[in-house]
Amino acid sequence: CLQTLQQEWLWHCQAIGATDKAAI
C-alpha cells in the first residue's frame, strides 16, 4: 500500500511539472 501511494504521488507530481526534488 505504501509503495502504491508513493508511486502514484510521484507520478501525479511529475504530470504537473514538479521536479523530483520537490515531489519527494
PDB file of all heavy atoms in Angstrom:
ATOM      1  N   CYS A   1       0.830  -1.201   0.000  1.00  0.00           N
ATOM      2  CA  CYS A   1       0.000   0.000   0.000  1.00  0.00           C
ATOM      3  C   CYS A   1       0.865   1.252   0.000  1.00  0.00           C
ATOM      4  O   CYS A   1       0.621   2.197  -0.762  1.00  0.00           O
ATOM      5  CB  CYS A   1      -0.933   0.004   1.208  1.00  0.00           C
ATOM      6  SG  CYS A   1      -1.986   1.465   1.343  1.00  0.00           S
ATOM      7  N   LEU A   2       1.904   1.264   0.842  1.00  0.00           N
ATOM      8  CA  LEU A   2       2.802   2.414   0.916  1.00  0.00           C
ATOM      9  C   LEU A   2       3.527   2.626  -0.403  1.00  0.00           C
ATOM     10  O   LEU A   2       3.691   3.762  -0.859  1.00  0.00           O
ATOM     11  CB  LEU A   2       3.812   2.226   2.049  1.00  0.00           C
ATOM     12  CG  LEU A   2       3.270   2.323   3.470  1.00  0.00           C
ATOM     13  CD1 LEU A   2       4.383   2.025   4.475  1.00  0.00           C
ATOM     14  CD2 LEU A   2       2.672   3.687   3.753  1.00  0.00           C
ATOM     15  N   GLN A   3       3.952   1.535  -1.020  1.00  0.00           N
ATOM     16  CA  GLN A   3       4.646   1.636  -2.299  1.00  0.00           C
ATOM     17  C   GLN A   3       3.726   2.203  -3.377  1.00  0.00           C
ATOM     18  O   GLN A   3       4.138   3.054  -4.173  1.00  0.00           O
ATOM     19  CB  GLN A   3       5.172   0.259  -2.719  1.00  0.00           C
ATOM     20  CG  GLN A   3       6.336  -0.238  -1.881  1.00  0.00           C
ATOM     21  CD  GLN A   3       6.748  -1.657  -2.233  1.00  0.00           C
ATOM     22  OE1 GLN A   3       5.991  -2.409  -2.853  1.00  0.00           O
ATOM     23  NE2 GLN A   3       7.957  -2.042  -1.823  1.00  0.00           N
ATOM     24  N   THR A   4       2.468   1.749  -3.374  1.00  0.00           N
ATOM     25  CA  THR A   4       1.500   2.252  -4.344  1.00  0.00           C
ATOM     26  C   THR A   4       1.240   3.733  -4.139  1.00  0.00           C
ATOM     27  O   THR A   4       1.197   4.517  -5.092  1.00  0.00           O
ATOM     28  CB  THR A   4       0.177   1.469  -4.240  1.00  0.00           C
ATOM     29  OG1 THR A   4       0.418   0.094  -4.539  1.00  0.00           O
ATOM     30  CG2 THR A   4      -0.864   2.014  -5.212  1.00  0.00           C
ATOM     31  N   LEU A   5       1.070   4.142  -2.873  1.00  0.00           N
ATOM     32  CA  LEU A   5       0.845   5.555  -2.568  1.00  0.00           C
ATOM     33  C   LEU A   5       2.018   6.409  -3.050  1.00  0.00           C
ATOM     34  O   LEU A   5       1.821   7.473  -3.642  1.00  0.00           O
ATOM     35  CB  LEU A   5       0.645   5.742  -1.066  1.00  0.00           C
ATOM     36  CG  LEU A   5      -0.680   5.259  -0.468  1.00  0.00           C
ATOM     37  CD1 LEU A   5      -0.649   5.367   1.056  1.00  0.00           C
ATOM     38  CD2 LEU A   5      -1.856   6.049  -1.024  1.00  0.00           C
ATOM     39  N   GLN A   6       3.228   5.954  -2.796  1.00  0.00           N
ATOM     40  CA  GLN A   6       4.410   6.707  -3.220  1.00  0.00           C
ATOM     41  C   GLN A   6       4.487   6.807  -4.738  1.00  0.00           C
ATOM     42  O   GLN A   6       4.753   7.891  -5.288  1.00  0.00           O
ATOM     43  CB  GLN A   6       5.680   6.034  -2.689  1.00  0.00           C
ATOM     44  CG  GLN A   6       5.843   6.125  -1.177  1.00  0.00           C
ATOM     45  CD  GLN A   6       7.142   5.507  -0.704  1.00  0.00           C
ATOM     46  OE1 GLN A   6       8.210   5.941  -1.096  1.00  0.00           O
ATOM     47  NE2 GLN A   6       7.047   4.489   0.130  1.00  0.00           N
ATOM     48  N   GLN A   7       4.265   5.702  -5.407  1.00  0.00           N
ATOM     49  CA  GLN A   7       4.358   5.678  -6.868  1.00  0.00           C
ATOM     50  C   GLN A   7       3.323   6.605  -7.494  1.00  0.00           C
ATOM     51  O   GLN A   7       3.633   7.366  -8.422  1.00  0.00           O
ATOM     52  CB  GLN A   7       4.172   4.245  -7.386  1.00  0.00           C
ATOM     53  CG  GLN A   7       5.343   3.328  -7.065  1.00  0.00           C
ATOM     54  CD  GLN A   7       5.015   1.862  -7.296  1.00  0.00           C
ATOM     55  OE1 GLN A   7       3.891   1.502  -7.672  1.00  0.00           O
ATOM     56  NE2 GLN A   7       6.000   1.001  -7.070  1.00  0.00           N
ATOM     57  N   GLU A   8       2.088   6.546  -6.997  1.00  0.00           N
ATOM     58  CA  GLU A   8       1.028   7.394  -7.536  1.00  0.00           C
ATOM     59  C   GLU A   8       1.330   8.862  -7.263  1.00  0.00           C
ATOM     60  O   GLU A   8       1.100   9.727  -8.120  1.00  0.00           O
ATOM     61  CB  GLU A   8      -0.324   7.006  -6.939  1.00  0.00           C
ATOM     62  CG  GLU A   8      -0.838   5.661  -7.422  1.00  0.00           C
ATOM     63  CD  GLU A   8      -2.204   5.327  -6.853  1.00  0.00           C
ATOM     64  OE1 GLU A   8      -2.660   6.049  -5.935  1.00  0.00           O
ATOM     65  OE2 GLU A   8      -2.814   4.352  -7.320  1.00  0.00           O
ATOM     66  N   TRP A   9       1.828   9.165  -6.060  1.00  0.00           N
ATOM     67  CA  TRP A   9       2.157  10.546  -5.717  1.00  0.00           C
ATOM     68  C   TRP A   9       3.219  11.103  -6.672  1.00  0.00           C
ATOM     69  O   TRP A   9       3.058  12.185  -7.231  1.00  0.00           O
ATOM     70  CB  TRP A   9       2.652  10.620  -4.276  1.00  0.00           C
ATOM     71  CG  TRP A   9       3.236  11.961  -3.935  1.00  0.00           C
ATOM     72  CD1 TRP A   9       4.560  12.312  -3.948  1.00  0.00           C
ATOM     73  CD2 TRP A   9       2.514  13.153  -3.588  1.00  0.00           C
ATOM     74  NE1 TRP A   9       4.708  13.641  -3.624  1.00  0.00           N
ATOM     75  CE2 TRP A   9       3.471  14.177  -3.403  1.00  0.00           C
ATOM     76  CE3 TRP A   9       1.168  13.441  -3.415  1.00  0.00           C
ATOM     77  CZ2 TRP A   9       3.115  15.471  -3.053  1.00  0.00           C
ATOM     78  CZ3 TRP A   9       0.801  14.738  -3.052  1.00  0.00           C
ATOM     79  CH2 TRP A   9       1.767  15.735  -2.881  1.00  0.00           C
ATOM     80  N   LEU A  10       4.296  10.361  -6.850  1.00  0.00           N
ATOM     81  CA  LEU A  10       5.391  10.834  -7.697  1.00  0.00           C
ATOM     82  C   LEU A  10       4.927  10.990  -9.146  1.00  0.00           C
ATOM     83  O   LEU A  10       5.302  11.950  -9.830  1.00  0.00           O
ATOM     84  CB  LEU A  10       6.582   9.869  -7.607  1.00  0.00           C
ATOM     85  CG  LEU A  10       7.253   9.811  -6.232  1.00  0.00           C
ATOM     86  CD1 LEU A  10       8.327   8.718  -6.205  1.00  0.00           C
ATOM     87  CD2 LEU A  10       7.861  11.149  -5.847  1.00  0.00           C
ATOM     88  N   TRP A  11       4.109  10.071  -9.620  1.00  0.00           N
ATOM     89  CA  TRP A  11       3.614  10.151 -10.999  1.00  0.00           C
ATOM     90  C   TRP A  11       2.760  11.400 -11.193  1.00  0.00           C
ATOM     91  O   TRP A  11       2.924  12.127 -12.180  1.00  0.00           O
ATOM     92  CB  TRP A  11       2.792   8.913 -11.348  1.00  0.00           C
ATOM     93  CG  TRP A  11       2.403   8.873 -12.799  1.00  0.00           C
ATOM     94  CD1 TRP A  11       3.098   8.289 -13.817  1.00  0.00           C
ATOM     95  CD2 TRP A  11       1.237   9.461 -13.391  1.00  0.00           C
ATOM     96  NE1 TRP A  11       2.437   8.484 -15.011  1.00  0.00           N
ATOM     97  CE2 TRP A  11       1.292   9.198 -14.787  1.00  0.00           C
ATOM     98  CE3 TRP A  11       0.148  10.182 -12.896  1.00  0.00           C
ATOM     99  CZ2 TRP A  11       0.298   9.628 -15.676  1.00  0.00           C
ATOM    100  CZ3 TRP A  11      -0.831  10.621 -13.777  1.00  0.00           C
ATOM    101  CH2 TRP A  11      -0.755  10.336 -15.146  1.00  0.00           C
ATOM    102  N   HIS A  12       1.841  11.671 -10.256  1.00  0.00           N
ATOM    103  CA  HIS A  12       0.966  12.842 -10.378  1.00  0.00           C
ATOM    104  C   HIS A  12       1.761  14.143 -10.252  1.00  0.00           C
ATOM    105  O   HIS A  12       1.433  15.132 -10.905  1.00  0.00           O
ATOM    106  CB  HIS A  12      -0.153  12.786  -9.335  1.00  0.00           C
ATOM    107  CG  HIS A  12      -1.286  11.893  -9.720  1.00  0.00           C
ATOM    108  ND1 HIS A  12      -1.250  10.526  -9.539  1.00  0.00           N
ATOM    109  CD2 HIS A  12      -2.494  12.164 -10.293  1.00  0.00           C
ATOM    110  CE1 HIS A  12      -2.374   9.999  -9.971  1.00  0.00           C
ATOM    111  NE2 HIS A  12      -3.146  10.958 -10.438  1.00  0.00           N
ATOM    112  N   CYS A  13       2.775  14.132  -9.410  1.00  0.00           N
ATOM    113  CA  CYS A  13       3.618  15.327  -9.292  1.00  0.00           C
ATOM    114  C   CYS A  13       4.367  15.582 -10.599  1.00  0.00           C
ATOM    115  O   CYS A  13       4.438  16.728 -11.074  1.00  0.00           O
ATOM    116  CB  CYS A  13       4.609  15.166  -8.139  1.00  0.00           C
ATOM    117  SG  CYS A  13       3.862  15.315  -6.502  1.00  0.00           S
ATOM    118  N   GLN A  14       4.926  14.540 -11.164  1.00  0.00           N
ATOM    119  CA  GLN A  14       5.633  14.683 -12.430  1.00  0.00           C
ATOM    120  C   GLN A  14       4.695  15.176 -13.534  1.00  0.00           C
ATOM    121  O   GLN A  14       5.088  15.977 -14.383  1.00  0.00           O
ATOM    122  CB  GLN A  14       6.266  13.355 -12.832  1.00  0.00           C
ATOM    123  CG  GLN A  14       7.433  12.940 -11.945  1.00  0.00           C
ATOM    124  CD  GLN A  14       7.835  11.495 -12.132  1.00  0.00           C
ATOM    125  OE1 GLN A  14       7.220  10.752 -12.905  1.00  0.00           O
ATOM    126  NE2 GLN A  14       8.864  11.076 -11.405  1.00  0.00           N
ATOM    127  N   ALA A  15       3.445  14.729 -13.485  1.00  0.00           N
ATOM    128  CA  ALA A  15       2.470  15.099 -14.514  1.00  0.00           C
ATOM    129  C   ALA A  15       2.141  16.586 -14.490  1.00  0.00           C
ATOM    130  O   ALA A  15       1.717  17.143 -15.518  1.00  0.00           O
ATOM    131  CB  ALA A  15       1.196  14.283 -14.349  1.00  0.00           C
ATOM    132  N   ILE A  16       2.306  17.255 -13.340  1.00  0.00           N
ATOM    133  CA  ILE A  16       2.045  18.701 -13.290  1.00  0.00           C
ATOM    134  C   ILE A  16       3.341  19.507 -13.369  1.00  0.00           C
ATOM    135  O   ILE A  16       3.334  20.718 -13.144  1.00  0.00           O
ATOM    136  CB  ILE A  16       1.231  19.104 -12.035  1.00  0.00           C
ATOM    137  CG1 ILE A  16       2.013  18.830 -10.746  1.00  0.00           C
ATOM    138  CG2 ILE A  16      -0.127  18.403 -12.024  1.00  0.00           C
ATOM    139  CD1 ILE A  16       1.343  19.408  -9.498  1.00  0.00           C
ATOM    140  N   GLY A  17       4.439  18.805 -13.680  1.00  0.00           N
ATOM    141  CA  GLY A  17       5.696  19.511 -13.912  1.00  0.00           C
ATOM    142  C   GLY A  17       6.613  19.653 -12.724  1.00  0.00           C
ATOM    143  O   GLY A  17       7.570  20.421 -12.770  1.00  0.00           O
ATOM    144  N   ALA A  18       6.346  18.917 -11.654  1.00  0.00           N
ATOM    145  CA  ALA A  18       7.180  19.038 -10.455  1.00  0.00           C
ATOM    146  C   ALA A  18       8.551  18.414 -10.676  1.00  0.00           C
ATOM    147  O   ALA A  18       8.696  17.427 -11.414  1.00  0.00           O
ATOM    148  CB  ALA A  18       6.499  18.352  -9.277  1.00  0.00           C
ATOM    149  N   THR A  19       9.559  18.976 -10.043  1.00  0.00           N
ATOM    150  CA  THR A  19      10.877  18.355 -10.041  1.00  0.00           C
ATOM    151  C   THR A  19      10.853  17.156  -9.098  1.00  0.00           C
ATOM    152  O   THR A  19      10.015  17.077  -8.187  1.00  0.00           O
ATOM    153  CB  THR A  19      11.947  19.347  -9.563  1.00  0.00           C
ATOM    154  OG1 THR A  19      11.672  19.683  -8.179  1.00  0.00           O
ATOM    155  CG2 THR A  19      11.951  20.609 -10.410  1.00  0.00           C
ATOM    156  N   ASP A  20      11.755  16.233  -9.311  1.00  0.00           N
ATOM    157  CA  ASP A  20      11.839  15.066  -8.421  1.00  0.00           C
ATOM    158  C   ASP A  20      12.105  15.512  -6.985  1.00  0.00           C
ATOM    159  O   ASP A  20      11.555  14.950  -6.034  1.00  0.00           O
ATOM    160  CB  ASP A  20      12.947  14.124  -8.882  1.00  0.00           C
ATOM    161  CG  ASP A  20      12.594  13.388 -10.167  1.00  0.00           C
ATOM    162  OD1 ASP A  20      11.406  13.393 -10.542  1.00  0.00           O
ATOM    163  OD2 ASP A  20      13.505  12.822 -10.792  1.00  0.00           O
ATOM    164  N   LYS A  21      12.948  16.528  -6.842  1.00  0.00           N
ATOM    165  CA  LYS A  21      13.299  17.020  -5.502  1.00  0.00           C
ATOM    166  C   LYS A  21      12.068  17.533  -4.770  1.00  0.00           C
ATOM    167  O   LYS A  21      11.841  17.200  -3.594  1.00  0.00           O
ATOM    168  CB  LYS A  21      14.342  18.128  -5.620  1.00  0.00           C
ATOM    169  CG  LYS A  21      14.796  18.678  -4.273  1.00  0.00           C
ATOM    170  CD  LYS A  21      15.862  19.765  -4.449  1.00  0.00           C
ATOM    171  CE  LYS A  21      16.308  20.316  -3.099  1.00  0.00           C
ATOM    172  NZ  LYS A  21      17.346  21.381  -3.267  1.00  0.00           N
ATOM    173  N   ALA A  22      11.232  18.343  -5.457  1.00  0.00           N
ATOM    174  CA  ALA A  22      10.027  18.898  -4.830  1.00  0.00           C
ATOM    175  C   ALA A  22       9.013  17.794  -4.532  1.00  0.00           C
ATOM    176  O   ALA A  22       8.378  17.792  -3.481  1.00  0.00           O
ATOM    177  CB  ALA A  22       9.412  19.964  -5.726  1.00  0.00           C
ATOM    178  N   ALA A  23       8.859  16.870  -5.462  1.00  0.00           N
ATOM    179  CA  ALA A  23       7.892  15.780  -5.274  1.00  0.00           C
ATOM    180  C   ALA A  23       8.256  14.934  -4.068  1.00  0.00           C
ATOM    181  O   ALA A  23       7.393  14.581  -3.247  1.00  0.00           O
ATOM    182  CB  ALA A  23       7.827  14.920  -6.531  1.00  0.00           C
ATOM    183  N   ILE A  24       9.527  14.587  -3.937  1.00  0.00           N
ATOM    184  CA  ILE A  24       9.979  13.768  -2.808  1.00  0.00           C
ATOM    185  C   ILE A  24       9.889  14.549  -1.503  1.00  0.00           C
ATOM    186  O   ILE A  24       9.487  14.006  -0.465  1.00  0.00           O
ATOM    187  CB  ILE A  24      11.414  13.270  -3.060  1.00  0.00           C
ATOM    188  CG1 ILE A  24      11.416  12.271  -4.226  1.00  0.00           C
ATOM    189  CG2 ILE A  24      11.993  12.616  -1.802  1.00  0.00           C
ATOM    190  CD1 ILE A  24      12.798  11.897  -4.719  1.00  0.00           C
TER     191      ILE A  24
END
